[in-house]
Amino acid sequence: MVKRSIFALLAPPVAVCRYGCAGCCAAPIAVFWITGIISIIYAFFGGPVGSEGISLGTLALGAALWGIASIWAETVIKSVEQDENDPECEARSSTVCRMVRPRVDEHDPMEDVKKFHSR
């Protein structure tokens, strides 16, 4: 568990792919993480203003983006873990439940598409 948390802190999208599900949120988490890294690096070159020294605002922005990506990754990993522990979603403790059962009264939307193409 500690290993997952440290991995989610250091490399959030990789942690989601390894311990969670890649299709859940790995791409948007990667965007936040990479943007945070770029922002942190850019801060050491003066930021958007091009000032001498480190741009603290840009550095804070990069740290915030990295933090958001880490928290998001940790949330996804915990949700997937809860889903695996309760595959029938009986406890409803997870915010991301994989089991979505169709209602009996629902019709197949592909039937509507086939109906329109056969005209």
PDB file of N, CA and C in Angstrom:
ATOM      1  N   MET A   1       0.816  -1.190   0.000  1.00  0.00           N
ATOM      2  CA  MET A   1       0.000   0.000   0.000  1.00  0.00           C
ATOM      3  C   MET A   1       0.865   1.261   0.000  1.00  0.00           C
ATOM      4  N   VAL A   2       1.935   1.242   0.780  1.00  0.00           N
ATOM      5  CA  VAL A   2       2.837   2.396   0.824  1.00  0.00           C
ATOM      6  C   VAL A   2       3.542   2.547  -0.518  1.00  0.00           C
ATOM      7  N   LYS A   3       3.882   1.421  -1.132  1.00  0.00           N
ATOM      8  CA  LYS A   3       4.550   1.449  -2.425  1.00  0.00           C
ATOM      9  C   LYS A   3       3.650   2.104  -3.471  1.00  0.00           C
ATOM     10  N   ARG A   4       2.363   1.793  -3.429  1.00  0.00           N
ATOM     11  CA  ARG A   4       1.422   2.391  -4.376  1.00  0.00           C
ATOM     12  C   ARG A   4       1.312   3.890  -4.171  1.00  0.00           C
ATOM     13  N   SER A   5       1.266   4.315  -2.914  1.00  0.00           N
ATOM     14  CA  SER A   5       1.143   5.750  -2.617  1.00  0.00           C
ATOM     15  C   SER A   5       2.380   6.516  -3.071  1.00  0.00           C
ATOM     16  N   ILE A   6       3.553   5.959  -2.834  1.00  0.00           N
ATOM     17  CA  ILE A   6       4.786   6.613  -3.273  1.00  0.00           C
ATOM     18  C   ILE A   6       4.862   6.650  -4.796  1.00  0.00           C
ATOM     19  N   PHE A   7       4.455   5.562  -5.427  1.00  0.00           N
ATOM     20  CA  PHE A   7       4.461   5.504  -6.886  1.00  0.00           C
ATOM     21  C   PHE A   7       3.469   6.508  -7.460  1.00  0.00           C
ATOM     22  N   ALA A   8       2.294   6.641  -6.810  1.00  0.00           N
ATOM     23  CA  ALA A   8       1.297   7.618  -7.264  1.00  0.00           C
ATOM     24  C   ALA A   8       1.792   9.045  -7.076  1.00  0.00           C
ATOM     25  N   LEU A   9       2.643   9.271  -6.086  1.00  0.00           N
ATOM     26  CA  LEU A   9       3.198  10.595  -5.855  1.00  0.00           C
ATOM     27  C   LEU A   9       4.276  10.937  -6.883  1.00  0.00           C
ATOM     28  N   LEU A  10       5.126   9.976  -7.219  1.00  0.00           N
ATOM     29  CA  LEU A  10       6.244  10.236  -8.118  1.00  0.00           C
ATOM     30  C   LEU A  10       5.880  10.156  -9.594  1.00  0.00           C
ATOM     31  N   ALA A  11       5.080   9.174  -9.975  1.00  0.00           N
ATOM     32  CA  ALA A  11       4.707   8.984 -11.374  1.00  0.00           C
ATOM     33  C   ALA A  11       3.232   8.586 -11.458  1.00  0.00           C
ATOM     34  N   PRO A  12       2.328   9.542 -11.309  1.00  0.00           N
ATOM     35  CA  PRO A  12       0.902   9.227 -11.231  1.00  0.00           C
ATOM     36  C   PRO A  12       0.332   8.426 -12.409  1.00  0.00           C
ATOM     37  N   PRO A  13       0.612   8.781 -13.670  1.00  0.00           N
ATOM     38  CA  PRO A  13      -0.013   8.006 -14.745  1.00  0.00           C
ATOM     39  C   PRO A  13       0.501   6.566 -14.815  1.00  0.00           C
ATOM     40  N   VAL A  14       1.752   6.368 -14.483  1.00  0.00           N
ATOM     41  CA  VAL A  14       2.309   5.015 -14.488  1.00  0.00           C
ATOM     42  C   VAL A  14       1.687   4.186 -13.361  1.00  0.00           C
ATOM     43  N   ALA A  15       1.462   4.823 -12.220  1.00  0.00           N
ATOM     44  CA  ALA A  15       0.830   4.134 -11.098  1.00  0.00           C
ATOM     45  C   ALA A  15      -0.599   3.731 -11.441  1.00  0.00           C
ATOM     46  N   VAL A  16      -1.321   4.588 -12.137  1.00  0.00           N
ATOM     47  CA  VAL A  16      -2.694   4.254 -12.530  1.00  0.00           C
ATOM     48  C   VAL A  16      -2.688   3.092 -13.517  1.00  0.00           C
ATOM     49  N   CYS A  17      -1.766   3.099 -14.444  1.00  0.00           N
ATOM     50  CA  CYS A  17      -1.685   1.993 -15.410  1.00  0.00           C
ATOM     51  C   CYS A  17      -1.316   0.683 -14.727  1.00  0.00           C
ATOM     52  N   ARG A  18      -0.443   0.751 -13.740  1.00  0.00           N
ATOM     53  CA  ARG A  18       0.032  -0.471 -13.092  1.00  0.00           C
ATOM     54  C   ARG A  18      -0.929  -1.007 -12.040  1.00  0.00           C
ATOM     55  N   TYR A  19      -1.457  -0.138 -11.202  1.00  0.00           N
ATOM     56  CA  TYR A  19      -2.279  -0.585 -10.082  1.00  0.00           C
ATOM     57  C   TYR A  19      -3.770  -0.327 -10.278  1.00  0.00           C
ATOM     58  N   GLY A  20      -4.134   0.497 -11.229  1.00  0.00           N
ATOM     59  CA  GLY A  20      -5.536   0.808 -11.461  1.00  0.00           C
ATOM     60  C   GLY A  20      -5.981   0.260 -12.801  1.00  0.00           C
ATOM     61  N   CYS A  21      -6.664   1.068 -13.548  1.00  0.00           N
ATOM     62  CA  CYS A  21      -7.035   0.673 -14.902  1.00  0.00           C
ATOM     63  C   CYS A  21      -6.629   1.800 -15.836  1.00  0.00           C
ATOM     64  N   ALA A  22      -5.909   1.466 -16.870  1.00  0.00           N
ATOM     65  CA  ALA A  22      -5.354   2.463 -17.775  1.00  0.00           C
ATOM     66  C   ALA A  22      -6.443   3.244 -18.495  1.00  0.00           C
ATOM     67  N   GLY A  23      -7.558   2.593 -18.776  1.00  0.00           N
ATOM     68  CA  GLY A  23      -8.638   3.259 -19.494  1.00  0.00           C
ATOM     69  C   GLY A  23      -9.425   4.224 -18.641  1.00  0.00           C
ATOM     70  N   CYS A  24      -9.247   4.153 -17.318  1.00  0.00           N
ATOM     71  CA  CYS A  24     -10.032   5.033 -16.431  1.00  0.00           C
ATOM     72  C   CYS A  24      -9.631   6.488 -16.617  1.00  0.00           C
ATOM     73  N   CYS A  25      -8.437   6.820 -16.250  1.00  0.00           N
ATOM     74  CA  CYS A  25      -8.024   8.230 -16.253  1.00  0.00           C
ATOM     75  C   CYS A  25      -6.543   8.427 -16.524  1.00  0.00           C
ATOM     76  N   ALA A  26      -5.856   7.456 -17.045  1.00  0.00           N
ATOM     77  CA  ALA A  26      -4.404   7.585 -17.190  1.00  0.00           C
ATOM     78  C   ALA A  26      -4.017   8.744 -18.111  1.00  0.00           C
ATOM     79  N   ALA A  27      -4.750   8.968 -19.181  1.00  0.00           N
ATOM     80  CA  ALA A  27      -4.397  10.033 -20.122  1.00  0.00           C
ATOM     81  C   ALA A  27      -4.552  11.426 -19.512  1.00  0.00           C
ATOM     82  N   PRO A  28      -5.700  11.768 -18.905  1.00  0.00           N
ATOM     83  CA  PRO A  28      -5.778  13.113 -18.321  1.00  0.00           C
ATOM     84  C   PRO A  28      -4.835  13.304 -17.142  1.00  0.00           C
ATOM     85  N   ILE A  29      -4.590  12.253 -16.379  1.00  0.00           N
ATOM     86  CA  ILE A  29      -3.628  12.366 -15.282  1.00  0.00           C
ATOM     87  C   ILE A  29      -2.238  12.633 -15.846  1.00  0.00           C
ATOM     88  N   ALA A  30      -1.907  11.975 -16.944  1.00  0.00           N
ATOM     89  CA  ALA A  30      -0.605  12.193 -17.592  1.00  0.00           C
ATOM     90  C   ALA A  30      -0.475  13.628 -18.087  1.00  0.00           C
ATOM     91  N   VAL A  31      -1.565  14.200 -18.596  1.00  0.00           N
ATOM     92  CA  VAL A  31      -1.519  15.593 -19.068  1.00  0.00           C
ATOM     93  C   VAL A  31      -1.220  16.537 -17.906  1.00  0.00           C
ATOM     94  N   PHE A  32      -1.903  16.353 -16.781  1.00  0.00           N
ATOM     95  CA  PHE A  32      -1.646  17.200 -15.607  1.00  0.00           C
ATOM     96  C   PHE A  32      -0.207  17.021 -15.120  1.00  0.00           C
ATOM     97  N   TRP A  33       0.255  15.776 -15.056  1.00  0.00           N
ATOM     98  CA  TRP A  33       1.593  15.490 -14.552  1.00  0.00           C
ATOM     99  C   TRP A  33       2.678  16.080 -15.452  1.00  0.00           C
ATOM    100  N   ILE A  34       2.569  15.854 -16.749  1.00  0.00           N
ATOM    101  CA  ILE A  34       3.572  16.364 -17.691  1.00  0.00           C
ATOM    102  C   ILE A  34       3.554  17.893 -17.717  1.00  0.00           C
ATOM    103  N   THR A  35       2.371  18.481 -17.662  1.00  0.00           N
ATOM    104  CA  THR A  35       2.281  19.941 -17.622  1.00  0.00           C
ATOM    105  C   THR A  35       2.914  20.483 -16.341  1.00  0.00           C
ATOM    106  N   GLY A  36       2.733  19.779 -15.245  1.00  0.00           N
ATOM    107  CA  GLY A  36       3.380  20.179 -13.996  1.00  0.00           C
ATOM    108  C   GLY A  36       4.891  20.121 -14.087  1.00  0.00           C
ATOM    109  N   ILE A  37       5.404  19.058 -14.685  1.00  0.00           N
ATOM    110  CA  ILE A  37       6.861  18.928 -14.853  1.00  0.00           C
ATOM    111  C   ILE A  37       7.400  20.049 -15.742  1.00  0.00           C
ATOM    112  N   ILE A  38       6.722  20.299 -16.846  1.00  0.00           N
ATOM    113  CA  ILE A  38       7.161  21.360 -17.762  1.00  0.00           C
ATOM    114  C   ILE A  38       7.111  22.714 -17.069  1.00  0.00           C
ATOM    115  N   SER A  39       6.072  22.946 -16.289  1.00  0.00           N
ATOM    116  CA  SER A  39       5.946  24.208 -15.570  1.00  0.00           C
ATOM    117  C   SER A  39       7.068  24.379 -14.540  1.00  0.00           C
ATOM    118  N   ILE A  40       7.402  23.320 -13.837  1.00  0.00           N
ATOM    119  CA  ILE A  40       8.492  23.394 -12.862  1.00  0.00           C
ATOM    120  C   ILE A  40       9.820  23.699 -13.555  1.00  0.00           C
ATOM    121  N   ILE A  41      10.074  23.033 -14.657  1.00  0.00           N
ATOM    122  CA  ILE A  41      11.312  23.297 -15.406  1.00  0.00           C
ATOM    123  C   ILE A  41      11.323  24.722 -15.946  1.00  0.00           C
ATOM    124  N   TYR A  42      10.185  25.159 -16.476  1.00  0.00           N
ATOM    125  CA  TYR A  42      10.061  26.503 -17.043  1.00  0.00           C
ATOM    126  C   TYR A  42      10.272  27.577 -15.975  1.00  0.00           C
ATOM    127  N   ALA A  43       9.883  27.265 -14.739  1.00  0.00           N
ATOM    128  CA  ALA A  43      10.044  28.221 -13.642  1.00  0.00           C
ATOM    129  C   ALA A  43      11.514  28.549 -13.388  1.00  0.00           C
ATOM    130  N   PHE A  44      12.400  27.592 -13.596  1.00  0.00           N
ATOM    131  CA  PHE A  44      13.826  27.832 -13.377  1.00  0.00           C
ATOM    132  C   PHE A  44      14.449  28.714 -14.463  1.00  0.00           C
ATOM    133  N   PHE A  45      13.745  28.898 -15.563  1.00  0.00           N
ATOM    134  CA  PHE A  45      14.217  29.772 -16.641  1.00  0.00           C
ATOM    135  C   PHE A  45      13.502  31.123 -16.637  1.00  0.00           C
ATOM    136  N   GLY A  46      12.846  31.449 -15.542  1.00  0.00           N
ATOM    137  CA  GLY A  46      12.223  32.766 -15.424  1.00  0.00           C
ATOM    138  C   GLY A  46      10.729  32.773 -15.658  1.00  0.00           C
ATOM    139  N   GLY A  47      10.159  31.683 -16.087  1.00  0.00           N
ATOM    140  CA  GLY A  47       8.722  31.619 -16.312  1.00  0.00           C
ATOM    141  C   GLY A  47       8.283  32.417 -17.525  1.00  0.00           C
ATOM    142  N   PRO A  48       6.990  32.700 -17.629  1.00  0.00           N
ATOM    143  CA  PRO A  48       6.486  33.410 -18.807  1.00  0.00           C
ATOM    144  C   PRO A  48       6.945  34.867 -18.883  1.00  0.00           C
ATOM    145  N   VAL A  49       7.315  35.454 -17.754  1.00  0.00           N
ATOM    146  CA  VAL A  49       7.769  36.844 -17.740  1.00  0.00           C
ATOM    147  C   VAL A  49       9.227  36.945 -18.163  1.00  0.00           C
ATOM    148  N   GLY A  50       9.970  35.860 -17.989  1.00  0.00           N
ATOM    149  CA  GLY A  50      11.386  35.862 -18.341  1.00  0.00           C
ATOM    150  C   GLY A  50      12.229  36.602 -17.328  1.00  0.00           C
ATOM    151  N   SER A  51      11.813  36.594 -16.088  1.00  0.00           N
ATOM    152  CA  SER A  51      12.539  37.321 -15.045  1.00  0.00           C
ATOM    153  C   SER A  51      13.832  36.601 -14.680  1.00  0.00           C
ATOM    154  N   GLU A  52      14.692  37.322 -14.024  1.00  0.00           N
ATOM    155  CA  GLU A  52      15.941  36.741 -13.541  1.00  0.00           C
ATOM    156  C   GLU A  52      15.629  35.816 -12.369  1.00  0.00           C
ATOM    157  N   GLY A  53      16.207  34.660 -12.359  1.00  0.00           N
ATOM    158  CA  GLY A  53      15.996  33.721 -11.258  1.00  0.00           C
ATOM    159  C   GLY A  53      14.772  32.846 -11.478  1.00  0.00           C
ATOM    160  N   ILE A  54      14.263  32.344 -10.385  1.00  0.00           N
ATOM    161  CA  ILE A  54      13.148  31.395 -10.431  1.00  0.00           C
ATOM    162  C   ILE A  54      11.823  32.140 -10.347  1.00  0.00           C
ATOM    163  N   SER A  55      10.883  31.769 -11.205  1.00  0.00           N
ATOM    164  CA  SER A  55       9.527  32.316 -11.154  1.00  0.00           C
ATOM    165  C   SER A  55       8.721  31.486 -10.158  1.00  0.00           C
ATOM    166  N   LEU A  56       8.458  32.064  -8.998  1.00  0.00           N
ATOM    167  CA  LEU A  56       7.776  31.322  -7.931  1.00  0.00           C
ATOM    168  C   LEU A  56       6.331  30.985  -8.287  1.00  0.00           C
ATOM    169  N   GLY A  57       5.670  31.846  -9.016  1.00  0.00           N
ATOM    170  CA  GLY A  57       4.301  31.562  -9.436  1.00  0.00           C
ATOM    171  C   GLY A  57       4.222  30.361 -10.362  1.00  0.00           C
ATOM    172  N   THR A  58       5.140  30.308 -11.316  1.00  0.00           N
ATOM    173  CA  THR A  58       5.176  29.179 -12.242  1.00  0.00           C
ATOM    174  C   THR A  58       5.571  27.899 -11.524  1.00  0.00           C
ATOM    175  N   LEU A  59       6.486  28.023 -10.566  1.00  0.00           N
ATOM    176  CA  LEU A  59       6.890  26.870  -9.769  1.00  0.00           C
ATOM    177  C   LEU A  59       5.718  26.347  -8.939  1.00  0.00           C
ATOM    178  N   ALA A  60       4.956  27.258  -8.340  1.00  0.00           N
ATOM    179  CA  ALA A  60       3.777  26.863  -7.563  1.00  0.00           C
ATOM    180  C   ALA A  60       2.715  26.219  -8.449  1.00  0.00           C
ATOM    181  N   LEU A  61       2.539  26.754  -9.654  1.00  0.00           N
ATOM    182  CA  LEU A  61       1.586  26.165 -10.593  1.00  0.00           C
ATOM    183  C   LEU A  61       1.982  24.741 -10.947  1.00  0.00           C
ATOM    184  N   GLY A  62       3.270  24.524 -11.222  1.00  0.00           N
ATOM    185  CA  GLY A  62       3.752  23.185 -11.546  1.00  0.00           C
ATOM    186  C   GLY A  62       3.569  22.218 -10.399  1.00  0.00           C
ATOM    187  N   ALA A  63       3.866  22.678  -9.183  1.00  0.00           N
ATOM    188  CA  ALA A  63       3.688  21.822  -8.009  1.00  0.00           C
ATOM    189  C   ALA A  63       2.209  21.500  -7.789  1.00  0.00           C
ATOM    190  N   ALA A  64       1.337  22.486  -8.025  1.00  0.00           N
ATOM    191  CA  ALA A  64      -0.101  22.256  -7.866  1.00  0.00           C
ATOM    192  C   ALA A  64      -0.611  21.240  -8.892  1.00  0.00           C
ATOM    193  N   LEU A  65      -0.180  21.363 -10.137  1.00  0.00           N
ATOM    194  CA  LEU A  65      -0.601  20.410 -11.166  1.00  0.00           C
ATOM    195  C   LEU A  65      -0.108  19.002 -10.858  1.00  0.00           C
ATOM    196  N   TRP A  66       1.132  18.888 -10.410  1.00  0.00           N
ATOM    197  CA  TRP A  66       1.678  17.590 -10.027  1.00  0.00           C
ATOM    198  C   TRP A  66       0.879  17.023  -8.849  1.00  0.00           C
ATOM    199  N   GLY A  67       0.547  17.878  -7.878  1.00  0.00           N
ATOM    200  CA  GLY A  67      -0.244  17.446  -6.729  1.00  0.00           C
ATOM    201  C   GLY A  67      -1.633  16.965  -7.128  1.00  0.00           C
ATOM    202  N   ILE A  68      -2.270  17.683  -8.035  1.00  0.00           N
ATOM    203  CA  ILE A  68      -3.589  17.262  -8.523  1.00  0.00           C
ATOM    204  C   ILE A  68      -3.486  15.903  -9.193  1.00  0.00           C
ATOM    205  N   ALA A  69      -2.474  15.711 -10.026  1.00  0.00           N
ATOM    206  CA  ALA A  69      -2.294  14.424 -10.701  1.00  0.00           C
ATOM    207  C   ALA A  69      -2.068  13.300  -9.694  1.00  0.00           C
ATOM    208  N   SER A  70      -1.296  13.560  -8.652  1.00  0.00           N
ATOM    209  CA  SER A  70      -1.026  12.537  -7.630  1.00  0.00           C
ATOM    210  C   SER A  70      -2.274  12.176  -6.841  1.00  0.00           C
ATOM    211  N   ILE A  71      -3.039  13.182  -6.436  1.00  0.00           N
ATOM    212  CA  ILE A  71      -4.273  12.915  -5.687  1.00  0.00           C
ATOM    213  C   ILE A  71      -5.279  12.180  -6.558  1.00  0.00           C
ATOM    214  N   TRP A  72      -5.384  12.572  -7.817  1.00  0.00           N
ATOM    215  CA  TRP A  72      -6.299  11.923  -8.754  1.00  0.00           C
ATOM    216  C   TRP A  72      -5.894  10.465  -8.954  1.00  0.00           C
ATOM    217  N   ALA A  73      -4.605  10.211  -9.109  1.00  0.00           N
ATOM    218  CA  ALA A  73      -4.122   8.839  -9.288  1.00  0.00           C
ATOM    219  C   ALA A  73      -4.416   7.993  -8.059  1.00  0.00           C
ATOM    220  N   GLU A  74      -4.178   8.540  -6.887  1.00  0.00           N
ATOM    221  CA  GLU A  74      -4.452   7.805  -5.646  1.00  0.00           C
ATOM    222  C   GLU A  74      -5.942   7.478  -5.524  1.00  0.00           C
ATOM    223  N   THR A  75      -6.788   8.420  -5.901  1.00  0.00           N
ATOM    224  CA  THR A  75      -8.240   8.197  -5.856  1.00  0.00           C
ATOM    225  C   THR A  75      -8.660   7.089  -6.819  1.00  0.00           C
ATOM    226  N   VAL A  76      -8.106   7.098  -8.023  1.00  0.00           N
ATOM    227  CA  VAL A  76      -8.441   6.061  -9.006  1.00  0.00           C
ATOM    228  C   VAL A  76      -7.965   4.696  -8.533  1.00  0.00           C
ATOM    229  N   ILE A  77      -6.764   4.630  -7.998  1.00  0.00           N
ATOM    230  CA  ILE A  77      -6.222   3.352  -7.523  1.00  0.00           C
ATOM    231  C   ILE A  77      -7.072   2.798  -6.389  1.00  0.00           C
ATOM    232  N   LYS A  78      -7.457   3.650  -5.447  1.00  0.00           N
ATOM    233  CA  LYS A  78      -8.297   3.194  -4.338  1.00  0.00           C
ATOM    234  C   LYS A  78      -9.674   2.748  -4.825  1.00  0.00           C
ATOM    235  N   SER A  79     -10.247   3.464  -5.785  1.00  0.00           N
ATOM    236  CA  SER A  79     -11.565   3.099  -6.314  1.00  0.00           C
ATOM    237  C   SER A  79     -11.529   1.765  -7.045  1.00  0.00           C
ATOM    238  N   VAL A  80     -10.489   1.533  -7.837  1.00  0.00           N
ATOM    239  CA  VAL A  80     -10.361   0.262  -8.551  1.00  0.00           C
ATOM    240  C   VAL A  80     -10.158  -0.880  -7.560  1.00  0.00           C
ATOM    241  N   GLU A  81      -9.377  -0.615  -6.513  1.00  0.00           N
ATOM    242  CA  GLU A  81      -9.162  -1.630  -5.477  1.00  0.00           C
ATOM    243  C   GLU A  81     -10.481  -1.967  -4.769  1.00  0.00           C
ATOM    244  N   GLN A  82     -11.294  -0.975  -4.477  1.00  0.00           N
ATOM    245  CA  GLN A  82     -12.595  -1.218  -3.860  1.00  0.00           C
ATOM    246  C   GLN A  82     -13.503  -2.007  -4.788  1.00  0.00           C
ATOM    247  N   ASP A  83     -13.441  -1.719  -6.088  1.00  0.00           N
ATOM    248  CA  ASP A  83     -14.247  -2.468  -7.056  1.00  0.00           C
ATOM    249  C   ASP A  83     -13.837  -3.931  -7.105  1.00  0.00           C
ATOM    250  N   GLU A  84     -12.526  -4.197  -7.018  1.00  0.00           N
ATOM    251  CA  GLU A  84     -12.054  -5.578  -7.057  1.00  0.00           C
ATOM    252  C   GLU A  84     -12.472  -6.344  -5.812  1.00  0.00           C
ATOM    253  N   ASN A  85     -12.547  -5.659  -4.669  1.00  0.00           N
ATOM    254  CA  ASN A  85     -12.958  -6.310  -3.429  1.00  0.00           C
ATOM    255  C   ASN A  85     -14.457  -6.557  -3.374  1.00  0.00           C
ATOM    256  N   ASP A  86     -15.226  -5.826  -4.155  1.00  0.00           N
ATOM    257  CA  ASP A  86     -16.680  -5.964  -4.175  1.00  0.00           C
ATOM    258  C   ASP A  86     -17.149  -6.010  -5.628  1.00  0.00           C
ATOM    259  N   PRO A  87     -16.922  -7.137  -6.339  1.00  0.00           N
ATOM    260  CA  PRO A  87     -17.224  -7.179  -7.774  1.00  0.00           C
ATOM    261  C   PRO A  87     -18.710  -7.036  -8.117  1.00  0.00           C
ATOM    262  N   GLU A  88     -19.590  -7.366  -7.191  1.00  0.00           N
ATOM    263  CA  GLU A  88     -21.020  -7.230  -7.456  1.00  0.00           C
ATOM    264  C   GLU A  88     -21.573  -5.877  -7.027  1.00  0.00           C
ATOM    265  N   CYS A  89     -20.715  -5.027  -6.463  1.00  0.00           N
ATOM    266  CA  CYS A  89     -21.080  -3.681  -6.023  1.00  0.00           C
ATOM    267  C   CYS A  89     -22.225  -3.697  -5.022  1.00  0.00           C
ATOM    268  N   GLU A  90     -22.205  -4.673  -4.130  1.00  0.00           N
ATOM    269  CA  GLU A  90     -23.256  -4.771  -3.131  1.00  0.00           C
ATOM    270  C   GLU A  90     -23.074  -3.738  -2.025  1.00  0.00           C
ATOM    271  N   ALA A  91     -21.839  -3.455  -1.639  1.00  0.00           N
ATOM    272  CA  ALA A  91     -21.590  -2.505  -0.557  1.00  0.00           C
ATOM    273  C   ALA A  91     -21.725  -1.055  -1.025  1.00  0.00           C
ATOM    274  N   ARG A  92     -21.567  -0.822  -2.305  1.00  0.00           N
ATOM    275  CA  ARG A  92     -21.630   0.516  -2.904  1.00  0.00           C
ATOM    276  C   ARG A  92     -20.674   1.494  -2.231  1.00  0.00           C
ATOM    277  N   SER A  93     -19.517   0.992  -1.837  1.00  0.00           N
ATOM    278  CA  SER A  93     -18.529   1.852  -1.184  1.00  0.00           C
ATOM    279  C   SER A  93     -17.638   2.567  -2.185  1.00  0.00           C
ATOM    280  N   SER A  94     -17.640   2.118  -3.421  1.00  0.00           N
ATOM    281  CA  SER A  94     -16.776   2.694  -4.433  1.00  0.00           C
ATOM    282  C   SER A  94     -17.502   3.792  -5.200  1.00  0.00           C
ATOM    283  N   THR A  95     -16.733   4.804  -5.599  1.00  0.00           N
ATOM    284  CA  THR A  95     -17.308   5.856  -6.424  1.00  0.00           C
ATOM    285  C   THR A  95     -17.275   5.495  -7.900  1.00  0.00           C
ATOM    286  N   VAL A  96     -16.476   4.513  -8.247  1.00  0.00           N
ATOM    287  CA  VAL A  96     -16.360   4.072  -9.627  1.00  0.00           C
ATOM    288  C   VAL A  96     -16.692   2.594  -9.660  1.00  0.00           C
ATOM    289  N   CYS A  97     -17.927   2.270  -9.846  1.00  0.00           N
ATOM    290  CA  CYS A  97     -18.339   0.873  -9.828  1.00  0.00           C
ATOM    291  C   CYS A  97     -18.344   0.332 -11.249  1.00  0.00           C
ATOM    292  N   ARG A  98     -17.660  -0.763 -11.466  1.00  0.00           N
ATOM    293  CA  ARG A  98     -17.541  -1.318 -12.814  1.00  0.00           C
ATOM    294  C   ARG A  98     -18.811  -2.002 -13.303  1.00  0.00           C
ATOM    295  N   MET A  99     -19.593  -2.491 -12.373  1.00  0.00           N
ATOM    296  CA  MET A  99     -20.779  -3.245 -12.756  1.00  0.00           C
ATOM    297  C   MET A  99     -21.921  -2.294 -13.099  1.00  0.00           C
ATOM    298  N   VAL A 100     -22.304  -2.250 -14.354  1.00  0.00           N
ATOM    299  CA  VAL A 100     -23.444  -1.460 -14.781  1.00  0.00           C
ATOM    300  C   VAL A 100     -24.395  -2.425 -15.461  1.00  0.00           C
ATOM    301  N   ARG A 101     -25.480  -2.698 -14.787  1.00  0.00           N
ATOM    302  CA  ARG A 101     -26.444  -3.641 -15.316  1.00  0.00           C
ATOM    303  C   ARG A 101     -27.556  -2.890 -16.025  1.00  0.00           C
ATOM    304  N   PRO A 102     -27.907  -3.308 -17.238  1.00  0.00           N
ATOM    305  CA  PRO A 102     -29.003  -2.627 -17.926  1.00  0.00           C
ATOM    306  C   PRO A 102     -30.339  -2.971 -17.278  1.00  0.00           C
ATOM    307  N   ARG A 103     -31.240  -2.023 -17.346  1.00  0.00           N
ATOM    308  CA  ARG A 103     -32.578  -2.289 -16.844  1.00  0.00           C
ATOM    309  C   ARG A 103     -33.316  -3.164 -17.848  1.00  0.00           C
ATOM    310  N   VAL A 104     -34.292  -3.868 -17.366  1.00  0.00           N
ATOM    311  CA  VAL A 104     -35.043  -4.796 -18.216  1.00  0.00           C
ATOM    312  C   VAL A 104     -35.827  -4.041 -19.278  1.00  0.00           C
ATOM    313  N   ASP A 105     -36.326  -2.861 -18.953  1.00  0.00           N
ATOM    314  CA  ASP A 105     -37.162  -2.118 -19.888  1.00  0.00           C
ATOM    315  C   ASP A 105     -36.367  -1.317 -20.917  1.00  0.00           C
ATOM    316  N   GLU A 106     -35.037  -1.350 -20.846  1.00  0.00           N
ATOM    317  CA  GLU A 106     -34.226  -0.622 -21.815  1.00  0.00           C
ATOM    318  C   GLU A 106     -34.146  -1.385 -23.130  1.00  0.00           C
ATOM    319  N   HIS A 107     -34.220  -0.652 -24.228  1.00  0.00           N
ATOM    320  CA  HIS A 107     -34.059  -1.281 -25.532  1.00  0.00           C
ATOM    321  C   HIS A 107     -32.636  -1.057 -26.030  1.00  0.00           C
ATOM    322  N   ASP A 108     -32.253  -1.805 -27.023  1.00  0.00           N
ATOM    323  CA  ASP A 108     -30.909  -1.716 -27.573  1.00  0.00           C
ATOM    324  C   ASP A 108     -30.838  -0.519 -28.512  1.00  0.00           C
ATOM    325  N   PRO A 109     -29.975   0.464 -28.261  1.00  0.00           N
ATOM    326  CA  PRO A 109     -29.893   1.628 -29.142  1.00  0.00           C
ATOM    327  C   PRO A 109     -29.379   1.278 -30.537  1.00  0.00           C
ATOM    328  N   MET A 110     -28.685   0.175 -30.665  1.00  0.00           N
ATOM    329  CA  MET A 110     -28.206  -0.239 -31.992  1.00  0.00           C
ATOM    330  C   MET A 110     -29.363  -0.667 -32.889  1.00  0.00           C
ATOM    331  N   GLU A 111     -30.458  -1.084 -32.300  1.00  0.00           N
ATOM    332  CA  GLU A 111     -31.638  -1.422 -33.100  1.00  0.00           C
ATOM    333  C   GLU A 111     -32.173  -0.182 -33.801  1.00  0.00           C
ATOM    334  N   ASP A 112     -32.146   0.962 -33.131  1.00  0.00           N
ATOM    335  CA  ASP A 112     -32.586   2.211 -33.754  1.00  0.00           C
ATOM    336  C   ASP A 112     -31.685   2.579 -34.921  1.00  0.00           C
ATOM    337  N   VAL A 113     -30.387   2.382 -34.746  1.00  0.00           N
ATOM    338  CA  VAL A 113     -29.438   2.696 -35.822  1.00  0.00           C
ATOM    339  C   VAL A 113     -29.698   1.791 -37.020  1.00  0.00           C
ATOM    340  N   LYS A 114     -29.889   0.510 -36.786  1.00  0.00           N
ATOM    341  CA  LYS A 114     -30.169  -0.438 -37.868  1.00  0.00           C
ATOM    342  C   LYS A 114     -31.474  -0.080 -38.565  1.00  0.00           C
ATOM    343  N   LYS A 115     -32.459   0.380 -37.815  1.00  0.00           N
ATOM    344  CA  LYS A 115     -33.746   0.745 -38.389  1.00  0.00           C
ATOM    345  C   LYS A 115     -33.595   1.923 -39.345  1.00  0.00           C
ATOM    346  N   PHE A 116     -32.763   2.926 -38.965  1.00  0.00           N
ATOM    347  CA  PHE A 116     -32.573   4.095 -39.818  1.00  0.00           C
ATOM    348  C   PHE A 116     -31.737   3.780 -41.058  1.00  0.00           C
ATOM    349  N   HIS A 117     -30.818   2.837 -40.960  1.00  0.00           N
ATOM    350  CA  HIS A 117     -29.996   2.478 -42.119  1.00  0.00           C
ATOM    351  C   HIS A 117     -30.748   1.595 -43.098  1.00  0.00           C
ATOM    352  N   SER A 118     -31.752   0.902 -42.669  1.00  0.00           N
ATOM    353  CA  SER A 118     -32.490   0.005 -43.574  1.00  0.00           C
ATOM    354  C   SER A 118     -33.525   0.740 -44.396  1.00  0.00           C
ATOM    355  N   ARG A 119     -33.770   1.993 -44.119  1.00  0.00           N
ATOM    356  CA  ARG A 119     -34.765   2.765 -44.880  1.00  0.00           C
ATOM    357  C   ARG A 119     -34.288   3.130 -46.229  1.00  0.00           C
TER     358      ARG A 119
END
